Structures are given as structure tokens and as C-alpha cells.
Amino acid sequence: MMTDIEANKAVARSYMRAVEEGDIATIEALQHPECTWWILGHGDMSREQFIAGVEGGLLTAQRRTAEVVGITAEGDRVAIEVRGEMVFPDRVYRNEYHNLLIVRDGRIVSGKEYMDTKAVAEAFAVQGSEAQ
């Protein structure tokens, strides 16, 4: 029998696999309808805002990898470290992420995502906007 902690870790792994596969239906299904997010550099987001960002951002990549490099859980909290790479037509974006997910009854009820904001800025800088 799987413990709650092991079940919560499985939810986190399933979520990361869905991100890697671009499976928006699973990404949505793994989140509680009242799920909230906080993303470093963006602040608080509703479930709807978060999903729209995923669809308009990372799911536009031609290829995605999300390698889980560490996972720790205690109670309803799951900390998952991920090494990501996204290949877009005009660039490759690589970053390291730390997600803290609160999982209850098999669904994510809140998430916090930390990453290297310099890597984000460099990968998604508006071309031609450098100071002259």
C-alpha cells in the first residue's frame, strides 16, 4: 500500500511528466479547481492564469525535457528539483527549477516555483532591445 507521502510524490512526478509531454489535460487534472500558484518573478497566479501561461509558453516549445533530479516530501508538501530544457524554433532555454507543491487528496492545491531568473531573461529577452 502506498503511503500518503509516496502518493504525493507520485502526483509531483506525474505533473512533471505531463509538463515534459505537453499533456495539458493531465496538467489541468492534477490541479485542484481552487489551486493557486506563486512563481518567482511573476508573483501570485490563479489556476487559470497559470494554465494559460503554460499553454502560451512552455507548450509552444518543439521539445521539452523535465528531468527530476531530487524529490523530498513531508506531510502534504513535496519539494521537487527539476532540470529543464525547452527547444523553440529560435532558441534553446535551459533552467533549474525548485517547485514546492502542496498536495491533498491526489491533487495539487498550491505551488511555488523558483528558478534562475537570469536564465529566463536571457532566453526570452526581446531581440534588438539592448541598450545602444
N, C-alpha and C. Protein backbone atom coordinates (compact mmCIF):
# COMPACT_ATOMS: atom_id res chain seq x y z
N MET A 1 0.84 -1.20 0.00
CA MET A 1 0.00 0.00 0.00
C MET A 1 0.88 1.25 0.00
N MET A 2 0.53 2.21 -0.85
CA MET A 2 1.29 3.44 -0.96
C MET A 2 0.91 4.39 0.17
N THR A 3 1.92 4.97 0.83
CA THR A 3 1.66 5.95 1.87
C THR A 3 1.22 7.26 1.24
N ASP A 4 0.64 8.14 2.05
CA ASP A 4 0.25 9.46 1.54
C ASP A 4 1.46 10.20 0.97
N ILE A 5 2.60 10.10 1.65
CA ILE A 5 3.80 10.79 1.18
C ILE A 5 4.23 10.23 -0.17
N GLU A 6 4.23 8.91 -0.32
CA GLU A 6 4.59 8.32 -1.61
C GLU A 6 3.57 8.68 -2.69
N ALA A 7 2.29 8.72 -2.34
CA ALA A 7 1.25 9.11 -3.30
C ALA A 7 1.44 10.57 -3.72
N ASN A 8 1.79 11.45 -2.78
CA ASN A 8 2.02 12.86 -3.10
C ASN A 8 3.24 13.02 -4.01
N LYS A 9 4.29 12.25 -3.76
CA LYS A 9 5.47 12.29 -4.63
C LYS A 9 5.10 11.79 -6.04
N ALA A 10 4.23 10.80 -6.11
CA ALA A 10 3.78 10.29 -7.42
C ALA A 10 3.01 11.36 -8.18
N VAL A 11 2.20 12.16 -7.48
CA VAL A 11 1.48 13.27 -8.13
C VAL A 11 2.49 14.26 -8.71
N ALA A 12 3.52 14.60 -7.93
CA ALA A 12 4.53 15.55 -8.40
C ALA A 12 5.26 15.00 -9.63
N ARG A 13 5.62 13.73 -9.60
CA ARG A 13 6.29 13.12 -10.76
C ARG A 13 5.36 13.10 -11.98
N SER A 14 4.09 12.78 -11.76
CA SER A 14 3.12 12.77 -12.87
C SER A 14 2.96 14.16 -13.47
N TYR A 15 2.96 15.17 -12.62
CA TYR A 15 2.86 16.55 -13.07
C TYR A 15 4.06 16.90 -13.96
N MET A 16 5.26 16.57 -13.52
CA MET A 16 6.46 16.87 -14.30
C MET A 16 6.48 16.09 -15.61
N ARG A 17 6.03 14.86 -15.59
CA ARG A 17 5.95 14.06 -16.82
C ARG A 17 4.96 14.71 -17.80
N ALA A 18 3.83 15.22 -17.28
CA ALA A 18 2.83 15.88 -18.13
C ALA A 18 3.40 17.16 -18.73
N VAL A 19 4.19 17.90 -17.95
CA VAL A 19 4.85 19.10 -18.48
C VAL A 19 5.78 18.70 -19.61
N GLU A 20 6.59 17.68 -19.39
CA GLU A 20 7.54 17.24 -20.41
C GLU A 20 6.83 16.77 -21.68
N GLU A 21 5.71 16.08 -21.51
CA GLU A 21 4.97 15.54 -22.66
C GLU A 21 4.03 16.57 -23.30
N GLY A 22 3.86 17.73 -22.65
CA GLY A 22 2.93 18.73 -23.18
C GLY A 22 1.48 18.31 -23.02
N ASP A 23 1.20 17.51 -22.00
CA ASP A 23 -0.13 16.95 -21.75
C ASP A 23 -0.95 17.91 -20.88
N ILE A 24 -1.57 18.89 -21.52
CA ILE A 24 -2.31 19.92 -20.78
C ILE A 24 -3.50 19.33 -20.04
N ALA A 25 -4.13 18.30 -20.55
CA ALA A 25 -5.27 17.68 -19.86
C ALA A 25 -4.84 17.12 -18.51
N THR A 26 -3.67 16.48 -18.45
CA THR A 26 -3.18 15.95 -17.18
C THR A 26 -2.72 17.07 -16.26
N ILE A 27 -2.08 18.09 -16.83
CA ILE A 27 -1.67 19.24 -16.02
C ILE A 27 -2.89 19.85 -15.33
N GLU A 28 -3.97 20.01 -16.07
CA GLU A 28 -5.21 20.55 -15.50
C GLU A 28 -5.81 19.59 -14.47
N ALA A 29 -5.85 18.30 -14.81
CA ALA A 29 -6.49 17.31 -13.93
C ALA A 29 -5.76 17.16 -12.59
N LEU A 30 -4.45 17.37 -12.58
CA LEU A 30 -3.69 17.20 -11.35
C LEU A 30 -3.81 18.40 -10.42
N GLN A 31 -4.46 19.48 -10.88
CA GLN A 31 -4.63 20.67 -10.05
C GLN A 31 -6.06 20.75 -9.53
N HIS A 32 -6.18 21.02 -8.26
CA HIS A 32 -7.48 21.27 -7.65
C HIS A 32 -8.09 22.51 -8.33
N PRO A 33 -9.41 22.56 -8.50
CA PRO A 33 -10.03 23.74 -9.14
C PRO A 33 -9.67 25.07 -8.47
N GLU A 34 -9.36 25.05 -7.18
CA GLU A 34 -9.01 26.28 -6.46
C GLU A 34 -7.50 26.44 -6.29
N CYS A 35 -6.72 25.69 -7.05
CA CYS A 35 -5.27 25.73 -6.96
C CYS A 35 -4.75 27.15 -7.20
N THR A 36 -3.74 27.53 -6.43
CA THR A 36 -3.08 28.82 -6.62
C THR A 36 -1.59 28.58 -6.81
N TRP A 37 -0.95 29.52 -7.49
CA TRP A 37 0.48 29.42 -7.77
C TRP A 37 1.18 30.71 -7.40
N TRP A 38 2.43 30.59 -7.09
CA TRP A 38 3.33 31.73 -6.93
C TRP A 38 4.58 31.38 -7.72
N ILE A 39 4.95 32.25 -8.65
CA ILE A 39 6.12 32.00 -9.50
C ILE A 39 7.11 33.14 -9.29
N LEU A 40 8.36 32.79 -9.00
CA LEU A 40 9.40 33.80 -8.82
C LEU A 40 9.44 34.70 -10.04
N GLY A 41 9.38 36.00 -9.80
CA GLY A 41 9.40 36.97 -10.90
C GLY A 41 8.04 37.33 -11.45
N HIS A 42 7.01 36.54 -11.09
CA HIS A 42 5.65 36.79 -11.57
C HIS A 42 4.67 37.03 -10.42
N GLY A 43 4.93 36.43 -9.28
CA GLY A 43 4.04 36.59 -8.13
C GLY A 43 2.88 35.61 -8.16
N ASP A 44 1.79 36.01 -7.51
CA ASP A 44 0.62 35.15 -7.36
C ASP A 44 -0.12 34.97 -8.69
N MET A 45 -0.61 33.75 -8.90
CA MET A 45 -1.36 33.44 -10.11
C MET A 45 -2.50 32.50 -9.74
N SER A 46 -3.63 32.67 -10.42
CA SER A 46 -4.72 31.73 -10.27
C SER A 46 -4.40 30.49 -11.11
N ARG A 47 -5.15 29.44 -10.91
CA ARG A 47 -5.00 28.22 -11.69
C ARG A 47 -5.15 28.55 -13.18
N GLU A 48 -6.15 29.35 -13.51
CA GLU A 48 -6.42 29.71 -14.90
C GLU A 48 -5.26 30.50 -15.51
N GLN A 49 -4.72 31.45 -14.76
CA GLN A 49 -3.58 32.23 -15.25
C GLN A 49 -2.36 31.34 -15.46
N PHE A 50 -2.15 30.44 -14.52
CA PHE A 50 -1.01 29.53 -14.61
C PHE A 50 -1.13 28.63 -15.84
N ILE A 51 -2.30 28.03 -16.03
CA ILE A 51 -2.51 27.14 -17.18
C ILE A 51 -2.36 27.91 -18.50
N ALA A 52 -2.89 29.13 -18.55
CA ALA A 52 -2.73 29.94 -19.76
C ALA A 52 -1.25 30.22 -20.04
N GLY A 53 -0.48 30.47 -18.99
CA GLY A 53 0.95 30.69 -19.15
C GLY A 53 1.68 29.45 -19.65
N VAL A 54 1.28 28.29 -19.14
CA VAL A 54 1.87 27.03 -19.59
C VAL A 54 1.56 26.81 -21.07
N GLU A 55 0.30 27.01 -21.45
CA GLU A 55 -0.11 26.80 -22.84
C GLU A 55 0.59 27.77 -23.79
N GLY A 56 0.68 29.03 -23.38
CA GLY A 56 1.25 30.05 -24.25
C GLY A 56 2.77 30.11 -24.22
N GLY A 57 3.37 29.43 -23.25
CA GLY A 57 4.82 29.47 -23.11
C GLY A 57 5.46 28.14 -23.38
N LEU A 58 5.55 27.33 -22.35
CA LEU A 58 6.33 26.10 -22.49
C LEU A 58 5.75 25.11 -23.47
N LEU A 59 4.44 25.09 -23.64
CA LEU A 59 3.87 24.12 -24.58
C LEU A 59 4.09 24.51 -26.03
N THR A 60 4.59 25.73 -26.28
CA THR A 60 4.92 26.12 -27.64
C THR A 60 6.31 25.63 -28.05
N ALA A 61 7.05 25.07 -27.10
CA ALA A 61 8.37 24.52 -27.42
C ALA A 61 8.19 23.27 -28.29
N GLN A 62 9.13 23.08 -29.19
CA GLN A 62 9.09 21.91 -30.07
C GLN A 62 9.45 20.64 -29.31
N ARG A 63 10.28 20.81 -28.28
CA ARG A 63 10.68 19.67 -27.45
C ARG A 63 10.94 20.17 -26.05
N ARG A 64 10.55 19.37 -25.06
CA ARG A 64 10.74 19.72 -23.66
C ARG A 64 11.32 18.52 -22.92
N THR A 65 12.24 18.79 -22.01
CA THR A 65 12.66 17.76 -21.07
C THR A 65 12.51 18.34 -19.67
N ALA A 66 12.12 17.49 -18.75
CA ALA A 66 11.97 17.89 -17.35
C ALA A 66 12.50 16.73 -16.51
N GLU A 67 13.80 16.76 -16.26
CA GLU A 67 14.47 15.69 -15.53
C GLU A 67 14.38 15.95 -14.03
N VAL A 68 13.71 15.07 -13.32
CA VAL A 68 13.62 15.18 -11.86
C VAL A 68 14.97 14.76 -11.29
N VAL A 69 15.63 15.69 -10.59
CA VAL A 69 16.94 15.40 -10.02
C VAL A 69 16.89 15.21 -8.51
N GLY A 70 15.75 15.53 -7.90
CA GLY A 70 15.58 15.33 -6.47
C GLY A 70 14.13 15.53 -6.08
N ILE A 71 13.71 14.78 -5.09
CA ILE A 71 12.34 14.93 -4.59
C ILE A 71 12.32 14.57 -3.11
N THR A 72 11.69 15.43 -2.34
CA THR A 72 11.58 15.24 -0.90
C THR A 72 10.15 15.57 -0.50
N ALA A 73 9.59 14.78 0.39
CA ALA A 73 8.21 15.03 0.82
C ALA A 73 8.07 14.85 2.31
N GLU A 74 7.20 15.66 2.86
CA GLU A 74 6.83 15.58 4.27
C GLU A 74 5.39 16.05 4.38
N GLY A 75 4.55 15.22 4.95
CA GLY A 75 3.14 15.58 5.05
C GLY A 75 2.57 15.83 3.67
N ASP A 76 1.92 16.99 3.48
CA ASP A 76 1.32 17.30 2.17
C ASP A 76 2.25 18.15 1.29
N ARG A 77 3.49 18.34 1.72
CA ARG A 77 4.45 19.18 0.99
C ARG A 77 5.42 18.31 0.20
N VAL A 78 5.56 18.62 -1.08
CA VAL A 78 6.51 17.90 -1.94
C VAL A 78 7.43 18.93 -2.57
N ALA A 79 8.72 18.78 -2.33
CA ALA A 79 9.74 19.62 -2.96
C ALA A 79 10.36 18.81 -4.08
N ILE A 80 10.31 19.35 -5.29
CA ILE A 80 10.82 18.62 -6.45
C ILE A 80 11.78 19.52 -7.22
N GLU A 81 12.99 19.01 -7.42
CA GLU A 81 14.01 19.73 -8.18
C GLU A 81 14.04 19.17 -9.59
N VAL A 82 14.05 20.08 -10.56
CA VAL A 82 13.94 19.67 -11.96
C VAL A 82 14.96 20.42 -12.81
N ARG A 83 15.59 19.70 -13.72
CA ARG A 83 16.47 20.31 -14.71
C ARG A 83 15.69 20.30 -16.02
N GLY A 84 15.41 21.49 -16.54
CA GLY A 84 14.57 21.58 -17.72
C GLY A 84 15.29 22.12 -18.94
N GLU A 85 14.81 21.69 -20.09
CA GLU A 85 15.29 22.23 -21.36
C GLU A 85 14.10 22.30 -22.30
N MET A 86 13.97 23.45 -22.96
CA MET A 86 12.91 23.64 -23.94
C MET A 86 13.52 24.14 -25.23
N VAL A 87 13.18 23.47 -26.32
CA VAL A 87 13.73 23.82 -27.63
C VAL A 87 12.63 24.53 -28.41
N PHE A 88 12.88 25.79 -28.71
CA PHE A 88 11.98 26.61 -29.52
C PHE A 88 12.62 26.78 -30.90
N PRO A 89 11.86 27.23 -31.90
CA PRO A 89 12.44 27.41 -33.25
C PRO A 89 13.67 28.32 -33.26
N ASP A 90 13.70 29.33 -32.38
CA ASP A 90 14.77 30.32 -32.43
C ASP A 90 15.73 30.29 -31.25
N ARG A 91 15.55 29.37 -30.31
CA ARG A 91 16.43 29.35 -29.14
C ARG A 91 16.23 28.06 -28.33
N VAL A 92 17.18 27.80 -27.47
CA VAL A 92 17.07 26.71 -26.50
C VAL A 92 17.12 27.34 -25.12
N TYR A 93 16.15 27.00 -24.31
CA TYR A 93 16.04 27.55 -22.95
C TYR A 93 16.31 26.43 -21.95
N ARG A 94 17.30 26.65 -21.10
CA ARG A 94 17.63 25.68 -20.05
C ARG A 94 17.54 26.38 -18.71
N ASN A 95 17.03 25.65 -17.71
CA ASN A 95 16.96 26.22 -16.38
C ASN A 95 16.87 25.09 -15.36
N GLU A 96 17.12 25.45 -14.11
CA GLU A 96 16.98 24.56 -12.97
C GLU A 96 15.81 25.10 -12.15
N TYR A 97 14.92 24.22 -11.74
CA TYR A 97 13.71 24.64 -11.03
C TYR A 97 13.62 23.95 -9.68
N HIS A 98 13.00 24.64 -8.76
CA HIS A 98 12.62 24.04 -7.48
C HIS A 98 11.14 24.37 -7.30
N ASN A 99 10.32 23.34 -7.26
CA ASN A 99 8.88 23.51 -7.06
C ASN A 99 8.51 22.98 -5.68
N LEU A 100 7.75 23.76 -4.95
CA LEU A 100 7.17 23.30 -3.69
C LEU A 100 5.67 23.16 -3.93
N LEU A 101 5.21 21.92 -3.93
CA LEU A 101 3.81 21.63 -4.19
C LEU A 101 3.12 21.18 -2.91
N ILE A 102 1.91 21.68 -2.70
CA ILE A 102 1.06 21.18 -1.62
C ILE A 102 0.04 20.27 -2.28
N VAL A 103 0.04 19.01 -1.87
CA VAL A 103 -0.82 18.00 -2.50
C VAL A 103 -1.78 17.45 -1.45
N ARG A 104 -3.06 17.49 -1.78
CA ARG A 104 -4.09 16.92 -0.90
C ARG A 104 -5.07 16.12 -1.74
N ASP A 105 -5.38 14.95 -1.27
CA ASP A 105 -6.34 14.07 -1.96
C ASP A 105 -5.98 13.87 -3.43
N GLY A 106 -4.68 13.73 -3.70
CA GLY A 106 -4.25 13.41 -5.05
C GLY A 106 -4.19 14.56 -6.03
N ARG A 107 -4.35 15.80 -5.53
CA ARG A 107 -4.31 16.96 -6.43
C ARG A 107 -3.46 18.08 -5.82
N ILE A 108 -2.85 18.85 -6.70
CA ILE A 108 -2.06 20.00 -6.27
C ILE A 108 -3.02 21.12 -5.87
N VAL A 109 -2.89 21.61 -4.63
CA VAL A 109 -3.75 22.71 -4.18
C VAL A 109 -3.00 24.05 -4.21
N SER A 110 -1.66 23.99 -4.18
CA SER A 110 -0.88 25.21 -4.38
C SER A 110 0.53 24.82 -4.78
N GLY A 111 1.15 25.75 -5.49
CA GLY A 111 2.51 25.52 -5.95
C GLY A 111 3.31 26.80 -5.90
N LYS A 112 4.60 26.63 -5.61
CA LYS A 112 5.56 27.73 -5.67
C LYS A 112 6.68 27.26 -6.57
N GLU A 113 7.08 28.11 -7.51
CA GLU A 113 8.14 27.74 -8.44
C GLU A 113 9.27 28.76 -8.38
N TYR A 114 10.46 28.23 -8.15
CA TYR A 114 11.67 29.04 -8.11
C TYR A 114 12.57 28.58 -9.25
N MET A 115 13.26 29.54 -9.88
CA MET A 115 14.19 29.22 -10.96
C MET A 115 15.20 30.35 -11.08
N ASP A 116 16.17 30.15 -11.94
CA ASP A 116 17.17 31.17 -12.22
C ASP A 116 16.55 32.22 -13.14
N THR A 117 16.22 33.37 -12.57
CA THR A 117 15.55 34.40 -13.36
C THR A 117 16.47 35.00 -14.43
N LYS A 118 17.78 34.93 -14.23
CA LYS A 118 18.72 35.41 -15.25
C LYS A 118 18.61 34.54 -16.50
N ALA A 119 18.48 33.23 -16.32
CA ALA A 119 18.34 32.32 -17.47
C ALA A 119 17.05 32.63 -18.23
N VAL A 120 15.98 32.95 -17.50
CA VAL A 120 14.71 33.30 -18.15
C VAL A 120 14.90 34.59 -18.96
N ALA A 121 15.47 35.61 -18.34
CA ALA A 121 15.65 36.90 -19.01
C ALA A 121 16.51 36.77 -20.25
N GLU A 122 17.58 35.98 -20.17
CA GLU A 122 18.46 35.82 -21.32
C GLU A 122 17.78 35.06 -22.45
N ALA A 123 17.02 34.03 -22.12
CA ALA A 123 16.37 33.22 -23.15
C ALA A 123 15.21 33.94 -23.82
N PHE A 124 14.51 34.78 -23.06
CA PHE A 124 13.30 35.39 -23.59
C PHE A 124 13.40 36.91 -23.74
N ALA A 125 14.63 37.43 -23.76
CA ALA A 125 14.83 38.87 -23.96
C ALA A 125 14.28 39.24 -25.34
N VAL A 126 13.69 40.41 -25.41
CA VAL A 126 13.19 40.89 -26.71
C VAL A 126 14.41 41.24 -27.56
N GLN A 127 14.48 40.63 -28.73
CA GLN A 127 15.63 40.84 -29.62
C GLN A 127 15.67 42.31 -30.06
N GLY A 128 16.86 42.88 -30.05
CA GLY A 128 17.03 44.25 -30.51
C GLY A 128 16.73 45.29 -29.45
N SER A 129 16.50 44.87 -28.21
CA SER A 129 16.15 45.84 -27.17
C SER A 129 17.37 46.22 -26.31
N GLU A 130 18.55 45.74 -26.69
CA GLU A 130 19.74 46.04 -25.91
C GLU A 130 20.03 47.55 -25.97
N ALA A 131 20.59 48.04 -24.88
CA ALA A 131 20.95 49.48 -24.84
C ALA A 131 22.02 49.75 -25.89
N GLN A 132 21.95 50.93 -26.50
CA GLN A 132 22.90 51.26 -27.55
C GLN A 132 23.88 52.28 -27.10
